[in-house]
């Protein structure tokens, strides 16, 4: 099963967000343990590096990016992906881009904490806890 992990799930783990860490880390571990094929949007890499470097240091940011590159498939957006995102009836453009990337990559699910923002996504979105229940 191909699953796209939204940026907020990655940040939950990399920034050790206490309220969300456990479920998000367990969800990501399913990809690392090869129980699913985990994909991440390419634009998440630069955002994560920026935030980790800003709030920790460059070394940790570099290590975080290396971890993602080693354990997940990075899916980039092209012009057609952005055009498709503009056509989706979604409130947030970045979420529409994520939905378009997931559709382009053939993902079955998007794992995010912002499920409500993906109601009109062509790919269904689940909370990390819901994703874990689905995997069993």
Protein backbone atom coordinates (compact mmCIF):
# COMPACT_ATOMS: atom_id res chain seq x y z
CA UNK A 1 0.00 0.00 0.00
CA UNK A 2 1.36 3.41 -1.01
CA UNK A 3 0.87 6.07 1.67
CA UNK A 4 1.80 9.75 1.50
CA UNK A 5 2.78 11.24 4.85
CA UNK A 6 1.87 14.91 5.22
CA UNK A 7 4.41 17.40 6.54
CA UNK A 8 2.71 17.67 9.94
CA UNK A 9 3.30 13.96 10.61
CA UNK A 10 7.00 14.32 9.81
CA UNK A 11 7.28 17.41 12.01
CA UNK A 12 5.50 15.66 14.90
CA UNK A 13 8.37 13.20 15.00
CA UNK A 14 11.31 15.42 14.08
CA UNK A 15 10.30 18.16 16.50
CA UNK A 16 9.16 15.63 19.11
CA UNK A 17 5.74 17.24 19.50
CA UNK A 18 4.63 15.58 22.71
CA UNK A 19 0.89 15.35 22.08
CA UNK A 20 1.33 13.78 18.64
CA UNK A 21 4.71 12.07 18.70
CA UNK A 22 3.67 8.49 19.58
CA UNK A 23 1.00 8.00 16.91
CA UNK A 24 2.98 9.80 14.20
CA UNK A 25 6.20 7.91 14.98
CA UNK A 26 4.38 4.58 14.94
CA UNK A 27 2.72 5.47 11.62
CA UNK A 28 6.07 6.40 10.06
CA UNK A 29 7.64 3.23 11.41
CA UNK A 30 5.22 1.18 9.30
CA UNK A 31 7.03 2.46 6.22
CA UNK A 32 10.48 1.89 7.71
CA UNK A 33 9.42 -1.67 8.63
CA UNK A 34 8.12 -2.08 5.05
CA UNK A 35 4.51 -2.66 6.08
CA UNK A 36 3.61 0.04 3.56
CA UNK A 37 5.43 2.14 0.99
CA UNK A 38 5.91 5.56 2.56
CA UNK A 39 6.08 8.61 0.35
CA UNK A 40 6.65 12.24 1.25
CA UNK A 41 6.14 15.41 -0.80
CA UNK A 42 9.39 16.91 -2.06
CA UNK A 43 8.61 20.36 -0.69
CA UNK A 44 8.53 18.85 2.81
CA UNK A 45 12.29 18.22 2.66
CA UNK A 46 13.22 21.90 2.41
CA UNK A 47 10.63 22.94 5.00
CA UNK A 48 11.89 20.36 7.48
CA UNK A 49 15.52 21.34 6.94
CA UNK A 50 14.69 25.00 7.46
CA UNK A 51 12.70 24.40 10.65
CA UNK A 52 15.17 21.96 12.18
CA UNK A 53 18.12 24.24 11.41
CA UNK A 54 16.28 27.21 12.87
CA UNK A 55 15.14 25.53 16.09
CA UNK A 56 18.03 23.11 16.64
CA UNK A 57 21.11 23.29 14.44
CA UNK A 58 22.30 22.60 10.90
CA UNK A 59 23.78 19.22 11.82
CA UNK A 60 20.43 17.93 13.15
CA UNK A 61 18.67 19.38 10.10
CA UNK A 62 21.10 17.56 7.79
CA UNK A 63 20.61 14.31 9.72
CA UNK A 64 16.84 14.70 9.57
CA UNK A 65 16.91 15.14 5.81
CA UNK A 66 19.27 12.17 5.41
CA UNK A 67 16.89 10.03 7.48
CA UNK A 68 13.95 10.96 5.27
CA UNK A 69 15.88 10.35 2.06
CA UNK A 70 16.99 6.92 3.27
CA UNK A 71 13.57 5.76 4.47
CA UNK A 72 10.93 7.33 2.23
CA UNK A 73 10.22 7.88 -1.45
CA UNK A 74 10.28 11.58 -2.27
CA UNK A 75 7.63 12.64 -4.79
CA UNK A 76 8.16 15.95 -6.51
CA UNK A 77 5.55 18.28 -7.93
CA UNK A 78 5.68 19.38 -11.55
CA UNK A 79 3.73 22.08 -13.37
CA UNK A 80 0.87 19.67 -14.05
CA UNK A 81 0.68 18.82 -10.34
CA UNK A 82 0.31 22.49 -9.41
CA UNK A 83 -2.26 23.01 -12.17
CA UNK A 84 -4.23 20.05 -10.90
CA UNK A 85 -4.01 21.41 -7.34
CA UNK A 86 -5.48 24.71 -8.54
CA UNK A 87 -8.47 22.81 -9.94
CA UNK A 88 -9.25 21.01 -6.69
CA UNK A 89 -11.97 22.58 -4.56
CA UNK A 90 -9.77 22.68 -1.46
CA UNK A 91 -9.35 25.69 0.84
CA UNK A 92 -5.60 25.41 1.32
CA UNK A 93 -3.34 25.37 -1.75
CA UNK A 94 -0.51 23.48 -0.01
CA UNK A 95 -2.96 20.74 0.99
CA UNK A 96 -4.24 20.65 -2.59
CA UNK A 97 -0.65 20.19 -3.80
CA UNK A 98 -0.18 17.33 -1.32
CA UNK A 99 -3.43 15.73 -2.55
CA UNK A 100 -2.32 16.12 -6.18
CA UNK A 101 1.08 14.61 -5.42
CA UNK A 102 -0.58 11.66 -3.69
CA UNK A 103 -2.91 11.10 -6.64
CA UNK A 104 -0.07 11.38 -9.17
CA UNK A 105 1.99 8.84 -7.22
CA UNK A 106 -0.90 6.36 -6.99
CA UNK A 107 -1.22 6.55 -3.21
CA UNK A 108 -4.14 4.87 -1.50
CA UNK A 109 -4.02 7.17 1.54
CA UNK A 110 -2.70 10.41 2.93
CA UNK A 111 -1.74 10.32 6.61
CA UNK A 112 -2.22 13.73 8.19
CA UNK A 113 -3.49 15.38 11.33
CA UNK A 114 -5.53 17.77 9.19
CA UNK A 115 -8.08 15.31 7.84
CA UNK A 116 -10.79 17.97 7.59
CA UNK A 117 -8.66 19.93 5.11
CA UNK A 118 -8.57 16.90 2.78
CA UNK A 119 -12.33 16.26 2.51
CA UNK A 120 -12.26 17.11 -1.20
CA UNK A 121 -8.99 15.33 -1.90
CA UNK A 122 -8.96 12.69 -4.65
CA UNK A 123 -7.02 10.51 -2.18
CA UNK A 124 -8.64 9.79 1.21
CA UNK A 125 -6.90 11.12 4.32
CA UNK A 126 -6.64 9.44 7.72
CA UNK A 127 -5.30 10.43 11.11
CA UNK A 128 -2.21 8.46 12.18
CA UNK A 129 -4.35 6.50 14.67
CA UNK A 130 -6.88 5.62 11.95
CA UNK A 131 -4.08 4.55 9.62
CA UNK A 132 -2.64 2.27 12.31
CA UNK A 133 -6.06 0.72 12.93
CA UNK A 134 -6.48 0.10 9.22
CA UNK A 135 -3.13 -1.67 8.99
CA UNK A 136 -4.11 -3.79 11.97
